[in-house]
C-alpha cells in the first residue's frame, strides 16, 4: 500500500474521522487490490464478509432491473464503501482498471468503537476550528468572503441530538442547513418502496443545502448514528452568507465577450426535472435531467466554464450552479430572457 493510496483512503468515511495512529492500524488489516477492467467486484444478492472502498478507477453498478450507474472516486468521497449492504443490492463491475481497498466487516465495529471513544474523550476539548477547518477546505469556500465566514461563527445555532434521532425526513420542506460539529449521521433514501442507506457523514461535513437552494422537498432522511452536536443555519442566513457569494448571473452578451476576448471555453447546461419533457436544446447546449447531474459531475472538465439554465421555480438553475461550484467547477446561472 503506497503513500498516495493511503492518502486517498484517509480521506474517505469512516477513516477520515480516525486518528493517524488508529488509521494506520486499521488500514494494515485490510488489503488494496488492483482489479482489471471487466472484473466483478461482487454480485447482486450476495452476502459479503467484506466492505469495499474504490480508491481509483470507475465501477458500473447494475441493479435488479439491469440498469447501470457509474460509481467513481468522487462517489467514494460522498458515500464511502460501495453498496455496503447485506446482501448487496447491486452488482459491481470494473468499467476501468480499479484500486479497491477491502476490509472485513468485523473490523468496522472496531472502528465505530474507536470513534465513539475518541468522541467522548475529545468532546470537552474540541474547538470550533476542528469542524470549521474541514468545512473551509471545500472548493466552495474559495468564493466566500472572509466577513461572511466570520458571520458563520455568530449565526450557527446549536442543536443536540441523541443516537437514533431523526434530524430531517425525506419529503419534508427544507428549513435549515446543518453542519456536524461532533458525532455522525447516516443518509437514507427511499425509492420504489425501498429504503437504502447511501452515505455516512461525520464531523466537519454538512447536509440540507439542496432543499434550501431549490425549494424542493428534502431528498433524503438523516438519522444520528451517535450523539451529535449540530450547527444550524436558517434559510435566510444560508442564502445571505453562503448562496449569494457563490451564485453569479451571466448574460448571453457577457458569454460572447468572454469567449471573444479571453478565449474562455463555455458549456451551457440545460437542466430539466425527470417528469418534464426533455427541452429542445440549441447546438451549443447540453440538456440533461437534473437528477443525473450529481452522478455525472465528476465527468465535467475543470477547464470549462459552465452556464446553467433551467426552471427558476423550483430553483433548479441555482442548485445546479451551486453543486458545480461546490465540486470545484466554475459555474454561473444564465440570465433570464427579458419579458
Protein backbone atom coordinates (compact mmCIF):
# COMPACT_ATOMS: atom_id res chain seq x y z
CA UNK A 1 0.00 0.00 0.00
CA UNK A 2 1.78 3.16 -1.16
CA UNK A 3 1.53 6.63 0.38
CA UNK A 4 -0.75 8.00 -2.36
CA UNK A 5 -3.26 5.20 -1.82
CA UNK A 6 -3.14 5.69 1.95
CA UNK A 7 -3.81 9.40 1.47
CA UNK A 8 -6.90 8.68 -0.65
CA UNK A 9 -8.18 6.12 1.87
CA UNK A 10 -7.64 8.52 4.78
CA UNK A 11 -9.98 10.99 3.09
CA UNK A 12 -12.88 8.52 2.94
CA UNK A 13 -15.55 7.74 5.53
CA UNK A 14 -15.15 6.37 8.17
CA UNK A 15 -11.33 6.51 8.05
CA UNK A 16 -11.22 10.31 7.87
CA UNK A 17 -12.53 10.51 11.43
CA UNK A 18 -9.79 8.23 12.86
CA UNK A 19 -6.61 9.48 14.47
CA UNK A 20 -3.47 8.93 12.39
CA UNK A 21 -2.28 6.15 14.71
CA UNK A 22 -5.61 4.31 14.66
CA UNK A 23 -5.92 4.76 10.89
CA UNK A 24 -2.55 3.07 10.27
CA UNK A 25 -3.57 0.13 12.48
CA UNK A 26 -6.93 -0.30 10.76
CA UNK A 27 -5.52 0.13 7.24
CA UNK A 28 -2.96 -2.60 7.90
CA UNK A 29 -5.79 -5.07 8.50
CA UNK A 30 -7.22 -4.53 5.01
CA UNK A 31 -5.86 -5.02 1.53
CA UNK A 32 -5.67 -2.90 -1.60
CA UNK A 33 -6.36 -4.95 -4.71
CA UNK A 34 -5.73 -3.92 -8.30
CA UNK A 35 -8.66 -5.03 -10.44
CA UNK A 36 -8.60 -5.07 -14.26
CA UNK A 37 -11.38 -3.66 -16.41
CA UNK A 38 -14.23 -6.15 -16.59
CA UNK A 39 -13.51 -7.70 -13.19
CA UNK A 40 -16.54 -8.48 -10.98
CA UNK A 41 -16.07 -6.97 -7.52
CA UNK A 42 -19.24 -8.51 -6.07
CA UNK A 43 -22.61 -9.86 -7.26
CA UNK A 44 -26.10 -8.60 -6.50
CA UNK A 45 -27.90 -10.52 -3.71
CA UNK A 46 -24.61 -12.00 -2.46
CA UNK A 47 -23.63 -11.93 1.21
CA UNK A 48 -20.20 -10.40 1.56
CA UNK A 49 -17.97 -10.63 4.65
CA UNK A 50 -16.00 -7.59 3.41
CA UNK A 51 -16.60 -3.93 2.64
CA UNK A 52 -15.00 -2.26 -0.37
CA UNK A 53 -13.79 1.31 -0.98
CA UNK A 54 -12.96 2.48 -4.51
CA UNK A 55 -9.69 4.43 -4.48
CA UNK A 56 -9.09 4.91 -8.22
CA UNK A 57 -10.92 3.93 -11.39
CA UNK A 58 -14.62 3.52 -12.11
CA UNK A 59 -17.23 0.86 -11.37
CA UNK A 60 -20.53 0.08 -13.03
CA UNK A 61 -23.28 -0.73 -10.52
CA UNK A 62 -26.04 -2.91 -12.01
CA UNK A 63 -29.39 -3.15 -10.20
CA UNK A 64 -32.13 -5.80 -10.42
CA UNK A 65 -33.61 -4.01 -13.45
CA UNK A 66 -30.20 -4.28 -15.18
CA UNK A 67 -29.80 -0.51 -15.10
CA UNK A 68 -26.22 0.74 -14.92
CA UNK A 69 -24.92 3.54 -12.72
CA UNK A 70 -21.34 4.76 -12.66
CA UNK A 71 -19.51 4.81 -9.32
CA UNK A 72 -16.33 6.89 -9.34
CA UNK A 73 -13.71 8.27 -6.98
CA UNK A 74 -15.91 11.29 -6.26
CA UNK A 75 -18.72 8.92 -5.23
CA UNK A 76 -16.30 7.34 -2.75
CA UNK A 77 -15.87 10.79 -1.18
CA UNK A 78 -19.64 11.10 -0.83
CA UNK A 79 -20.78 7.58 0.02
CA UNK A 80 -17.75 5.75 1.43
CA UNK A 81 -17.89 1.98 0.92
CA UNK A 82 -19.52 0.69 -2.28
CA UNK A 83 -23.05 -0.67 -1.72
CA UNK A 84 -22.24 -1.64 1.85
CA UNK A 85 -25.42 -3.68 2.35
CA UNK A 86 -26.02 -7.28 3.34
CA UNK A 87 -26.84 -8.76 0.90
CA UNK A 88 -25.61 -6.50 -1.90
CA UNK A 89 -28.34 -4.59 -3.77
CA UNK A 90 -26.30 -4.25 -6.98
CA UNK A 91 -23.51 -5.98 -8.86
CA UNK A 92 -20.24 -4.04 -9.16
CA UNK A 93 -18.14 -4.43 -12.30
CA UNK A 94 -14.91 -2.58 -13.05
CA UNK A 95 -15.50 -0.28 -16.01
CA UNK A 96 -11.79 0.63 -15.97
CA UNK A 97 -8.78 -0.66 -14.01
CA UNK A 98 -9.51 -0.03 -10.33
CA UNK A 99 -7.72 0.08 -7.00
CA UNK A 100 -10.06 -1.16 -4.26
CA UNK A 101 -9.46 -1.29 -0.51
CA UNK A 102 -11.12 -4.35 1.05
CA UNK A 103 -11.70 -4.69 4.80
CA UNK A 104 -13.58 -7.28 6.85
CA UNK A 105 -16.91 -6.03 8.16
CA UNK A 106 -15.93 -7.27 11.62
CA UNK A 107 -13.22 -4.61 11.73
CA UNK A 108 -15.80 -1.87 11.11
CA UNK A 109 -17.38 -2.47 14.52
CA UNK A 110 -13.93 -1.80 15.99
CA UNK A 111 -13.78 1.45 14.02
CA UNK A 112 -17.11 2.54 15.49
CA UNK A 113 -15.82 1.74 18.98
CA UNK A 114 -12.68 3.82 18.33
CA UNK A 115 -14.74 6.73 17.04
CA UNK A 116 -17.13 6.64 20.00
CA UNK A 117 -14.20 6.57 22.43
CA UNK A 118 -12.48 9.44 20.61
CA UNK A 119 -15.68 11.48 20.58
CA UNK A 120 -16.26 11.06 24.29
CA UNK A 121 -12.70 11.98 25.29
CA UNK A 122 -12.45 14.90 22.87
CA UNK A 123 -15.89 16.36 23.49
CA UNK A 124 -14.74 18.92 26.04
CA UNK A 125 -11.61 19.93 24.16
CA UNK A 126 -12.99 20.07 20.62
CA UNK A 127 -12.81 23.64 19.37
CA UNK A 128 -14.88 25.21 16.64
CA UNK A 129 -11.79 25.28 14.44
CA UNK A 130 -11.73 21.49 14.01
CA UNK A 131 -15.01 21.17 12.18
CA UNK A 132 -14.77 24.59 10.56
CA UNK A 133 -11.35 23.73 9.16
CA UNK A 134 -12.84 20.80 7.25
CA UNK A 135 -15.74 22.94 6.07
CA UNK A 136 -13.46 25.72 4.86
CA UNK A 137 -11.25 23.27 2.96
CA UNK A 138 -14.01 22.59 0.41
CA UNK A 139 -13.69 24.31 -3.01
CA UNK A 140 -16.93 26.18 -2.37
CA UNK A 141 -15.31 28.40 0.24
CA UNK A 142 -12.95 29.93 -2.28
CA UNK A 143 -15.95 32.10 -3.21
CA UNK A 144 -16.94 33.08 0.35
CA UNK A 145 -15.69 36.49 1.62
CA UNK A 146 -13.87 36.46 4.99
CA UNK A 147 -16.58 38.64 6.53
CA UNK A 148 -19.20 36.02 5.67
CA UNK A 149 -17.08 33.30 7.24
CA UNK A 150 -16.83 35.34 10.44
CA UNK A 151 -20.61 35.68 10.47
CA UNK A 152 -20.94 31.89 10.30
CA UNK A 153 -19.45 31.66 13.78
CA UNK A 154 -22.07 34.05 15.07
CA UNK A 155 -25.18 32.77 13.29
CA UNK A 156 -24.84 28.99 13.67
CA UNK A 157 -27.46 27.79 16.16
CA UNK A 158 -26.62 24.69 18.18
CA UNK A 159 -28.76 21.56 18.32
CA UNK A 160 -28.00 18.47 20.40
CA UNK A 161 -29.37 15.15 19.10
CA UNK A 162 -29.26 11.65 20.55
CA UNK A 163 -28.18 8.50 18.74
CA UNK A 164 -31.05 7.17 16.60
CA UNK A 165 -32.83 10.52 16.40
CA UNK A 166 -34.25 11.54 13.01
CA UNK A 167 -32.93 15.00 12.10
CA UNK A 168 -34.71 15.54 8.78
CA UNK A 169 -37.20 13.39 6.84
CA UNK A 170 -37.37 12.78 3.11
CA UNK A 171 -40.28 14.63 1.52
CA UNK A 172 -40.49 17.39 4.14
CA UNK A 173 -39.80 21.04 3.26
CA UNK A 174 -36.31 22.36 3.95
CA UNK A 175 -35.77 24.58 6.97
CA UNK A 176 -32.10 24.53 7.98
CA UNK A 177 -28.61 23.90 6.63
CA UNK A 178 -26.75 21.61 9.03
CA UNK A 179 -23.08 21.29 9.93
CA UNK A 180 -21.89 18.35 12.06
CA UNK A 181 -19.67 19.61 14.89
CA UNK A 182 -19.40 16.28 16.69
CA UNK A 183 -20.87 12.82 16.12
CA UNK A 184 -22.03 11.13 12.93
CA UNK A 185 -25.19 10.64 10.86
CA UNK A 186 -26.45 8.24 8.21
CA UNK A 187 -28.24 9.23 4.99
CA UNK A 188 -31.22 7.15 3.82
CA UNK A 189 -33.10 7.44 0.52
CA UNK A 190 -36.47 5.84 -0.20
CA UNK A 191 -37.02 4.86 -3.83
CA UNK A 192 -39.53 2.46 -5.34
CA UNK A 193 -40.65 1.39 -1.88
CA UNK A 194 -37.15 0.52 -0.69
CA UNK A 195 -35.09 2.47 1.83
CA UNK A 196 -31.31 2.36 1.33
CA UNK A 197 -28.54 3.89 3.36
CA UNK A 198 -26.43 5.81 0.85
CA UNK A 199 -23.89 7.66 2.99
CA UNK A 200 -22.42 8.30 6.41
CA UNK A 201 -21.33 11.80 7.41
CA UNK A 202 -19.04 12.84 10.26
CA UNK A 203 -17.72 16.00 11.95
CA UNK A 204 -16.99 18.81 9.51
CA UNK A 205 -19.44 17.59 6.87
CA UNK A 206 -22.75 19.25 6.06
CA UNK A 207 -26.21 18.41 4.76
CA UNK A 208 -29.56 20.01 3.99
CA UNK A 209 -28.47 22.55 1.39
CA UNK A 210 -30.30 21.01 -1.59
CA UNK A 211 -33.80 21.71 -0.28
CA UNK A 212 -32.87 25.24 0.79
CA UNK A 213 -31.38 26.18 -2.57
CA UNK A 214 -34.03 24.60 -4.80
CA UNK A 215 -37.19 24.89 -2.66
CA UNK A 216 -37.76 21.19 -3.44
CA UNK A 217 -38.68 18.78 -0.61
CA UNK A 218 -35.94 17.02 1.33
CA UNK A 219 -34.44 14.29 -0.88
CA UNK A 220 -33.21 12.06 1.98
CA UNK A 221 -33.76 11.15 5.63
CA UNK A 222 -30.88 11.90 8.02
CA UNK A 223 -30.53 9.93 11.27
CA UNK A 224 -27.94 10.38 14.02
CA UNK A 225 -25.78 7.26 14.49
CA UNK A 226 -24.09 8.73 17.57
CA UNK A 227 -24.83 11.66 19.89
CA UNK A 228 -24.30 14.78 17.79
CA UNK A 229 -23.83 18.49 18.21
CA UNK A 230 -25.08 20.24 15.09
CA UNK A 231 -24.68 23.79 13.85
CA UNK A 232 -27.77 25.08 12.02
CA UNK A 233 -28.28 28.00 9.64
CA UNK A 234 -31.72 29.30 8.75
CA UNK A 235 -32.65 29.54 5.09
CA UNK A 236 -32.24 33.33 5.19
CA UNK A 237 -28.76 33.09 6.74
CA UNK A 238 -27.73 30.33 4.33
CA UNK A 239 -28.76 32.40 1.32
CA UNK A 240 -27.12 35.53 2.74
CA UNK A 241 -23.79 34.00 3.78
CA UNK A 242 -23.24 31.00 1.51
CA UNK A 243 -25.51 31.06 -1.52
CA UNK A 244 -25.32 34.70 -2.61
CA UNK A 245 -21.50 34.83 -2.88
CA UNK A 246 -21.45 31.58 -4.87
CA UNK A 247 -24.20 32.24 -7.42
CA UNK A 248 -23.50 34.76 -10.17
CA UNK A 249 -25.74 35.52 -13.13
CA UNK A 250 -24.29 35.96 -16.60
CA UNK A 251 -25.92 37.29 -19.76
CA UNK A 252 -25.54 35.89 -23.29
CA UNK A 253 -23.66 39.08 -24.23
CA UNK A 254 -21.18 38.54 -21.38
CA UNK A 255 -20.68 34.94 -22.51
CA UNK A 256 -19.89 36.10 -26.05
CA UNK A 257 -17.45 38.69 -24.71
CA UNK A 258 -15.64 36.13 -22.52
CA UNK A 259 -15.29 33.77 -25.47
CA UNK A 260 -14.15 36.51 -27.86
CA UNK A 261 -11.72 38.38 -25.61
CA UNK A 262 -10.42 35.69 -23.24
CA UNK A 263 -10.94 32.56 -25.29
CA UNK A 264 -12.98 31.05 -22.45
CA UNK A 265 -14.45 27.61 -23.12
CA UNK A 266 -18.14 27.75 -22.17
CA UNK A 267 -20.73 24.99 -21.94
CA UNK A 268 -24.40 25.79 -21.36
CA UNK A 269 -26.22 23.15 -19.30
CA UNK A 270 -29.98 22.99 -19.83
CA UNK A 271 -31.32 21.21 -16.73
CA UNK A 272 -34.79 19.76 -16.50
CA UNK A 273 -36.72 17.64 -14.00
CA UNK A 274 -37.34 13.92 -14.65
CA UNK A 275 -41.10 14.43 -15.03
CA UNK A 276 -40.63 17.14 -17.65
CA UNK A 277 -40.15 16.55 -21.35
CA UNK A 278 -36.56 16.96 -22.46
CA UNK A 279 -36.30 20.55 -23.68
CA UNK A 280 -35.13 21.37 -27.15
CA UNK A 281 -31.53 22.40 -26.70
CA UNK A 282 -29.55 24.65 -29.02
CA UNK A 283 -26.48 23.22 -30.70
CA UNK A 284 -24.16 24.69 -28.06
CA UNK A 285 -26.25 23.42 -25.13
CA UNK A 286 -26.24 20.13 -23.24
CA UNK A 287 -29.70 19.11 -21.99
CA UNK A 288 -29.56 16.71 -19.04
CA UNK A 289 -32.03 15.75 -16.27
CA UNK A 290 -31.21 17.48 -13.02
CA UNK A 291 -31.13 14.20 -11.07
CA UNK A 292 -28.31 12.99 -13.33
CA UNK A 293 -26.10 15.98 -12.52
CA UNK A 294 -24.68 14.60 -9.27
CA UNK A 295 -23.86 11.21 -10.83
CA UNK A 296 -22.01 12.75 -13.77
CA UNK A 297 -20.49 15.87 -12.23
CA UNK A 298 -17.11 14.12 -11.99
CA UNK A 299 -17.09 13.82 -15.78
CA UNK A 300 -17.17 17.58 -16.30
CA UNK A 301 -13.92 19.34 -17.14
CA UNK A 302 -12.46 21.87 -14.71
CA UNK A 303 -11.14 23.73 -17.79
CA UNK A 304 -14.65 24.67 -18.95
CA UNK A 305 -16.92 27.38 -17.56
CA UNK A 306 -20.47 26.08 -17.12
CA UNK A 307 -23.53 28.27 -17.53
CA UNK A 308 -26.70 26.73 -16.11
CA UNK A 309 -30.20 27.33 -17.36
CA UNK A 310 -33.34 25.57 -16.22
CA UNK A 311 -36.55 26.15 -14.29
CA UNK A 312 -36.34 29.08 -11.89
CA UNK A 313 -39.21 27.68 -9.82
CA UNK A 314 -38.22 25.40 -8.24
CA UNK A 315 -34.77 26.91 -8.44
CA UNK A 316 -33.09 24.08 -10.34
CA UNK A 317 -30.84 26.57 -12.12
CA UNK A 318 -29.48 27.88 -8.80
CA UNK A 319 -28.98 24.42 -7.33
CA UNK A 320 -27.21 23.19 -10.46
CA UNK A 321 -24.73 26.08 -10.35
CA UNK A 322 -24.29 25.64 -6.59
CA UNK A 323 -23.47 21.93 -6.92
CA UNK A 324 -20.96 22.59 -9.70
CA UNK A 325 -19.18 25.28 -7.68
CA UNK A 326 -19.26 23.05 -4.59
CA UNK A 327 -17.45 20.36 -6.62
CA UNK A 328 -14.71 22.79 -7.64
CA UNK A 329 -16.01 23.87 -11.06
CA UNK A 330 -16.69 27.40 -12.26
CA UNK A 331 -20.41 27.83 -12.88
CA UNK A 332 -22.87 30.65 -13.46
CA UNK A 333 -26.62 30.97 -13.86
CA UNK A 334 -27.83 32.15 -17.27
CA UNK A 335 -29.76 35.40 -17.02
CA UNK A 336 -33.47 35.07 -17.76
CA UNK A 337 -34.74 36.44 -21.05
CA UNK A 338 -36.25 39.91 -20.60
CA UNK A 339 -40.02 39.90 -20.61
